[in-house]
Amino acid sequence: MDQAPGSPQGPQDASNLPRCYRHPDRETGISCTRCERPICPECMISASVGFQCPECVREGSGTGHAPEANQPRTIAGGSIATDPRLITKILLGLNVAVFIAVLAMGDRLVNELVLVGQWPPYPYLPEDGVAEGQWYRLVTSMFTHQEIWHIAFNMLGLWWLGGPLEAALGRARFLSLYVLSGLAGGALTYVVAEPGQASLGASGAIFGLLGATAVLMRRLNYDMRPVIALLALNMLFTFTWSGIAWEAHVGGLVAGVAIAYGMVHAPRERRALVQWGTCGVVLAVVLAAVVIRTAQLV
């Protein structure tokens, strides 16, 4: 497996991994290059060589460089935030707010937000749907839930996966990952499913976070068995439970893996170009798929 650049240690037996000195409940294979204390992904700050812990960064590099030259960065090059879960909290709040609005207004609001290709179906004259120019449904459907169990599972996944990813990638990159994964899931649903089939929920984005978590854990040389087991279990549910839009899960997962790979494996000297270029390619594929499918339907 790959080893993080500059890490002073090689692969370790997962059962003997040390624990982060700031988060004793988290095992890690990475140590601060200055004090050599073990640090988890939330604590690691990219340095010129390897990673440093927050305390060593606050003490300064001792190189004599200007302060901005030593600005702490995440493993993906993002800025270290005071609240590493801010975007996760905002996304969770948006989903809950829309759910409360749906409970208050019922089907009337759901019908305006849900992802549907074209409605009503032939032989009636279609009036609603993405094919009728309502592209906003690709976004609004990502934040819309009707069932309490649906939003509960998705928000649990968002909170559990989102925090570590936001801390590791930075706010802008994490938000891009979430939104593009959700759009990719919606686009595949639009392309593959029947035009009149309605789809809603944040599942595509959550599967994108799950795929990104697997990429990040691989990048940090962590034990992959837990995330592989979780992914396998979720895919089993995807293809065996009725009423689940498998297209959204698969589309989000593929997009999440692609985006995360570009973000955490981008070379330092071309980091921004590779990262945002990867996001641009995924967005271009999504837009092309939507445009082609719309041309077929109209």
Protein backbone atom coordinates (compact mmCIF):
# COMPACT_ATOMS: atom_id res chain seq x y z
CA MET A 1 0.00 0.00 0.00
CA ASP A 2 1.05 3.61 -0.55
CA GLN A 3 2.82 5.45 2.22
CA ALA A 4 2.15 9.10 2.99
CA PRO A 5 4.95 11.33 1.66
CA GLY A 6 7.51 12.13 4.27
CA SER A 7 6.13 9.68 6.81
CA PRO A 8 8.97 8.43 9.04
CA GLN A 9 7.47 5.03 9.34
CA GLY A 10 6.42 2.19 7.07
CA PRO A 11 3.30 0.00 7.11
CA GLN A 12 2.44 -1.36 10.52
CA ASP A 13 0.39 -4.20 11.78
CA ALA A 14 -3.10 -2.74 12.33
CA SER A 15 -3.33 -4.47 15.73
CA ASN A 16 -0.19 -2.64 16.95
CA LEU A 17 -0.92 0.82 15.62
CA PRO A 18 -0.35 3.67 18.10
CA ARG A 19 -3.12 6.07 19.01
CA CYS A 20 -3.32 9.78 18.26
CA TYR A 21 -2.02 11.75 21.24
CA ARG A 22 -4.87 14.28 20.82
CA HIS A 23 -7.59 11.68 20.11
CA PRO A 24 -6.71 8.53 22.11
CA ASP A 25 -9.62 6.58 20.60
CA ARG A 26 -8.17 6.77 17.06
CA GLU A 27 -5.44 4.48 15.77
CA THR A 28 -2.95 5.93 13.32
CA GLY A 29 0.14 5.03 11.36
CA ILE A 30 1.34 8.63 10.97
CA SER A 31 3.59 10.61 13.32
CA CYS A 32 4.49 14.30 13.55
CA THR A 33 7.83 14.86 11.82
CA ARG A 34 8.95 17.27 14.57
CA CYS A 35 7.86 15.78 17.90
CA GLU A 36 7.27 12.23 16.53
CA ARG A 37 4.00 11.85 18.43
CA PRO A 38 1.27 9.84 16.60
CA ILE A 39 -1.42 11.95 14.92
CA CYS A 40 -4.71 11.10 13.18
CA PRO A 41 -5.98 12.62 9.86
CA GLU A 42 -7.87 15.35 11.71
CA CYS A 43 -4.68 16.49 13.44
CA MET A 44 -2.15 16.08 10.65
CA ILE A 45 -1.00 19.27 8.94
CA SER A 46 0.95 19.08 5.69
CA ALA A 47 4.51 20.36 6.03
CA SER A 48 7.40 20.68 3.61
CA VAL A 49 8.37 17.16 4.65
CA GLY A 50 5.71 14.86 6.03
CA PHE A 51 3.09 16.04 8.50
CA GLN A 52 3.14 18.03 11.73
CA CYS A 53 0.77 18.16 14.68
CA PRO A 54 -1.19 21.34 15.53
CA GLU A 55 0.96 22.10 18.59
CA CYS A 56 4.21 22.03 16.62
CA VAL A 57 2.68 24.22 13.91
CA ARG A 58 1.56 26.78 16.51
CA GLU A 59 5.08 26.87 17.94
CA GLY A 60 6.43 27.87 14.50
CA SER A 61 8.77 26.18 12.08
CA GLY A 62 11.99 27.75 13.35
CA THR A 63 13.07 28.32 9.76
CA GLY A 64 12.91 32.10 9.82
CA HIS A 65 10.33 32.16 7.01
CA ALA A 66 7.42 34.57 7.03
CA PRO A 67 4.35 33.27 8.92
CA GLU A 68 2.33 32.81 5.71
CA ALA A 69 5.05 30.52 4.37
CA ASN A 70 4.32 28.14 7.22
CA GLN A 71 0.51 28.28 6.98
CA PRO A 72 -0.83 24.88 8.03
CA ARG A 73 -2.53 22.82 5.33
CA THR A 74 -4.55 19.63 5.18
CA ILE A 75 -3.29 16.53 3.39
CA ALA A 76 -5.10 17.81 0.26
CA GLY A 77 -3.71 21.33 0.57
CA GLY A 78 -6.74 22.98 2.13
CA SER A 79 -6.56 25.51 4.95
CA ILE A 80 -6.84 24.23 8.51
CA ALA A 81 -10.16 25.43 9.96
CA THR A 82 -11.02 26.19 13.55
CA ASP A 83 -14.20 24.14 13.19
CA PRO A 84 -13.36 21.13 10.99
CA ARG A 85 -17.04 20.16 10.74
CA LEU A 86 -18.57 23.50 9.71
CA ILE A 87 -19.60 22.48 6.18
CA THR A 88 -20.80 19.11 7.46
CA LYS A 89 -23.04 20.90 9.98
CA ILE A 90 -24.39 23.29 7.35
CA LEU A 91 -25.23 20.45 4.95
CA LEU A 92 -26.87 18.50 7.74
CA GLY A 93 -28.88 21.58 8.73
CA LEU A 94 -30.05 22.14 5.15
CA ASN A 95 -31.26 18.55 4.85
CA VAL A 96 -33.12 18.74 8.16
CA ALA A 97 -34.65 22.13 7.29
CA VAL A 98 -36.01 20.81 3.98
CA PHE A 99 -37.32 17.70 5.75
CA ILE A 100 -39.21 19.85 8.25
CA ALA A 101 -40.63 21.91 5.38
CA VAL A 102 -41.74 18.69 3.65
CA LEU A 103 -43.47 17.54 6.83
CA ALA A 104 -45.29 20.86 7.01
CA MET A 105 -46.27 21.20 3.33
CA GLY A 106 -46.50 17.57 2.24
CA ASP A 107 -46.60 16.29 -1.33
CA ARG A 108 -47.07 19.76 -2.78
CA LEU A 109 -43.47 20.68 -1.88
CA VAL A 110 -42.05 17.25 -2.63
CA ASN A 111 -43.47 17.36 -6.15
CA GLU A 112 -41.58 20.61 -6.77
CA LEU A 113 -38.22 19.35 -5.45
CA VAL A 114 -38.02 15.67 -6.37
CA LEU A 115 -35.85 14.41 -9.25
CA VAL A 116 -38.03 13.29 -12.15
CA GLY A 117 -37.04 13.10 -15.79
CA GLN A 118 -40.37 13.92 -17.39
CA TRP A 119 -43.93 14.08 -16.04
CA PRO A 120 -46.65 13.23 -16.84
CA PRO A 121 -45.72 10.27 -19.04
CA TYR A 122 -46.80 9.67 -22.63
CA PRO A 123 -49.44 10.07 -24.10
CA TYR A 124 -49.99 13.14 -21.92
CA LEU A 125 -48.14 16.36 -22.67
CA PRO A 126 -45.21 16.57 -20.20
CA GLU A 127 -45.06 19.69 -18.08
CA ASP A 128 -42.52 18.93 -15.35
CA GLY A 129 -39.10 17.31 -15.03
CA VAL A 130 -35.45 17.83 -15.89
CA ALA A 131 -36.19 17.26 -19.58
CA GLU A 132 -38.64 20.18 -19.43
CA GLY A 133 -35.94 22.59 -18.34
CA GLN A 134 -36.22 22.06 -14.57
CA TRP A 135 -32.53 21.26 -14.07
CA TYR A 136 -32.71 22.59 -10.53
CA ARG A 137 -34.28 19.27 -9.55
CA LEU A 138 -30.83 17.66 -9.79
CA VAL A 139 -29.83 19.84 -6.83
CA THR A 140 -33.03 20.15 -4.79
CA SER A 141 -33.59 16.40 -4.81
CA MET A 142 -30.25 15.97 -3.00
CA PHE A 143 -31.67 17.72 0.07
CA THR A 144 -35.19 16.28 0.01
CA HIS A 145 -36.41 13.35 2.13
CA GLN A 146 -39.89 12.07 2.93
CA GLU A 147 -39.31 9.18 5.34
CA ILE A 148 -37.78 9.58 8.79
CA TRP A 149 -35.66 6.43 8.38
CA HIS A 150 -34.29 7.74 5.07
CA ILE A 151 -33.05 11.07 6.41
CA ALA A 152 -31.86 9.41 9.63
CA PHE A 153 -29.59 6.96 7.78
CA ASN A 154 -28.29 9.63 5.40
CA MET A 155 -27.58 12.20 8.11
CA LEU A 156 -25.88 9.60 10.27
CA GLY A 157 -23.64 8.78 7.30
CA LEU A 158 -23.02 12.48 6.64
CA TRP A 159 -21.98 13.14 10.23
CA TRP A 160 -19.83 10.02 10.53
CA LEU A 161 -18.06 10.35 7.18
CA GLY A 162 -18.22 14.09 6.64
CA GLY A 163 -16.26 15.29 9.66
CA PRO A 164 -13.03 13.35 9.01
CA LEU A 165 -13.21 14.06 5.28
CA GLU A 166 -13.76 17.78 5.79
CA ALA A 167 -10.82 17.89 8.19
CA ALA A 168 -8.60 16.00 5.75
CA LEU A 169 -9.61 17.80 2.54
CA GLY A 170 -10.53 21.29 3.70
CA ARG A 171 -13.88 23.03 3.38
CA ALA A 172 -13.92 23.95 -0.31
CA ARG A 173 -12.72 20.56 -1.48
CA PHE A 174 -15.11 18.72 0.81
CA LEU A 175 -18.08 20.77 -0.39
CA SER A 176 -17.10 20.12 -4.01
CA LEU A 177 -16.86 16.40 -3.29
CA TYR A 178 -20.31 16.33 -1.69
CA VAL A 179 -22.13 18.38 -4.33
CA LEU A 180 -20.52 16.71 -7.35
CA SER A 181 -21.15 13.22 -5.94
CA GLY A 182 -24.80 14.08 -5.42
CA LEU A 183 -25.08 15.53 -8.93
CA ALA A 184 -23.42 12.45 -10.44
CA GLY A 185 -25.89 10.20 -8.64
CA GLY A 186 -28.80 12.27 -9.89
CA ALA A 187 -27.42 12.35 -13.44
CA LEU A 188 -27.09 8.57 -13.62
CA THR A 189 -30.61 8.20 -12.27
CA TYR A 190 -31.87 10.62 -14.93
CA VAL A 191 -30.06 8.74 -17.69
CA VAL A 192 -30.89 5.15 -16.70
CA ALA A 193 -34.23 5.24 -14.86
CA GLU A 194 -37.63 5.60 -16.48
CA PRO A 195 -38.47 9.28 -17.12
CA GLY A 196 -41.43 9.17 -14.77
CA GLN A 197 -39.55 7.53 -11.89
CA ALA A 198 -39.15 9.93 -8.98
CA SER A 199 -35.98 9.95 -6.90
CA LEU A 200 -34.96 11.95 -3.85
CA GLY A 201 -32.49 11.98 -0.98
CA ALA A 202 -28.82 12.60 -0.21
CA SER A 203 -27.79 8.99 -0.80
CA GLY A 204 -25.73 9.75 -3.91
CA ALA A 205 -23.68 12.32 -2.02
CA ILE A 206 -23.29 10.01 0.99
CA PHE A 207 -22.02 7.19 -1.22
CA GLY A 208 -19.57 9.69 -2.68
CA LEU A 209 -18.27 10.36 0.83
CA LEU A 210 -18.02 6.62 1.45
CA GLY A 211 -15.94 6.14 -1.70
CA ALA A 212 -13.76 9.11 -0.78
CA THR A 213 -13.20 7.66 2.70
CA ALA A 214 -11.90 4.45 1.15
CA VAL A 215 -9.50 6.42 -1.06
CA LEU A 216 -8.26 8.49 1.89
CA MET A 217 -7.73 5.47 4.11
CA ARG A 218 -5.78 3.77 1.34
CA ARG A 219 -3.69 6.92 0.89
CA LEU A 220 -2.87 7.02 4.61
CA ASN A 221 -2.03 3.31 4.70
CA TYR A 222 -4.85 2.55 7.16
CA ASP A 223 -6.56 -0.80 7.68
CA MET A 224 -9.05 -1.02 4.80
CA ARG A 225 -11.17 -3.85 6.17
CA PRO A 226 -13.74 -1.71 8.07
CA VAL A 227 -14.52 0.58 5.15
CA ILE A 228 -14.61 -2.32 2.67
CA ALA A 229 -17.06 -4.17 4.92
CA LEU A 230 -19.23 -1.05 5.23
CA LEU A 231 -19.15 -0.49 1.47
CA ALA A 232 -20.05 -4.11 0.75
CA LEU A 233 -22.96 -3.98 3.22
CA ASN A 234 -24.31 -0.78 1.68
CA MET A 235 -24.05 -2.18 -1.83
CA LEU A 236 -25.91 -5.29 -0.68
CA PHE A 237 -28.74 -3.12 0.61
CA THR A 238 -28.65 -1.07 -2.59
CA PHE A 239 -29.40 -4.03 -4.83
CA THR A 240 -31.65 -6.08 -2.54
CA TRP A 241 -33.98 -3.57 -0.88
CA SER A 242 -36.99 -2.41 -2.85
CA GLY A 243 -37.63 1.26 -3.45
CA ILE A 244 -33.95 2.23 -3.59
CA ALA A 245 -32.57 4.17 -6.56
CA TRP A 246 -29.40 2.15 -7.10
CA GLU A 247 -28.38 4.51 -9.88
CA ALA A 248 -27.86 7.36 -7.39
CA HIS A 249 -25.72 5.15 -5.14
CA VAL A 250 -23.50 3.92 -7.96
CA GLY A 251 -23.16 7.31 -9.62
CA GLY A 252 -22.26 9.01 -6.36
CA LEU A 253 -19.78 6.29 -5.41
CA VAL A 254 -17.91 6.44 -8.72
CA ALA A 255 -17.74 10.24 -8.65
CA GLY A 256 -16.59 10.27 -5.02
CA VAL A 257 -13.77 7.83 -5.70
CA ALA A 258 -12.60 9.76 -8.77
CA ILE A 259 -12.66 13.16 -7.06
CA ALA A 260 -10.99 11.95 -3.87
CA TYR A 261 -8.24 10.18 -5.81
CA GLY A 262 -7.46 13.39 -7.69
CA MET A 263 -7.42 15.37 -4.46
CA VAL A 264 -5.22 13.21 -2.25
CA HIS A 265 -2.82 11.99 -4.95
CA ALA A 266 -2.29 15.32 -6.71
CA PRO A 267 1.44 16.21 -6.86
CA ARG A 268 2.29 19.18 -4.65
CA GLU A 269 3.64 21.32 -7.50
CA ARG A 270 0.42 20.91 -9.56
CA ARG A 271 -2.00 20.29 -6.74
CA ALA A 272 -4.65 22.90 -7.53
CA LEU A 273 -4.61 22.14 -11.26
CA VAL A 274 -5.08 18.39 -10.74
CA GLN A 275 -7.67 18.72 -7.98
CA TRP A 276 -9.93 21.27 -9.59
CA GLY A 277 -9.29 19.73 -12.99
CA THR A 278 -10.64 16.43 -11.67
CA CYS A 279 -13.72 18.20 -10.33
CA GLY A 280 -14.14 19.93 -13.68
CA VAL A 281 -13.99 16.64 -15.58
CA VAL A 282 -16.62 15.06 -13.31
CA LEU A 283 -18.89 18.09 -13.71
CA ALA A 284 -18.41 18.02 -17.49
CA VAL A 285 -19.39 14.34 -17.62
CA VAL A 286 -22.48 15.05 -15.52
CA LEU A 287 -23.55 17.95 -17.74
CA ALA A 288 -22.92 15.98 -20.94
CA ALA A 289 -25.00 13.06 -19.65
CA VAL A 290 -27.88 15.36 -18.72
CA VAL A 291 -27.79 17.20 -22.05
CA ILE A 292 -27.73 13.96 -24.08
CA ARG A 293 -30.55 12.41 -22.07
CA THR A 294 -32.63 15.57 -22.39
CA ALA A 295 -32.17 15.55 -26.17
CA GLN A 296 -33.40 11.94 -26.24
CA LEU A 297 -36.53 12.75 -24.25
CA VAL A 298 -37.58 15.90 -26.06
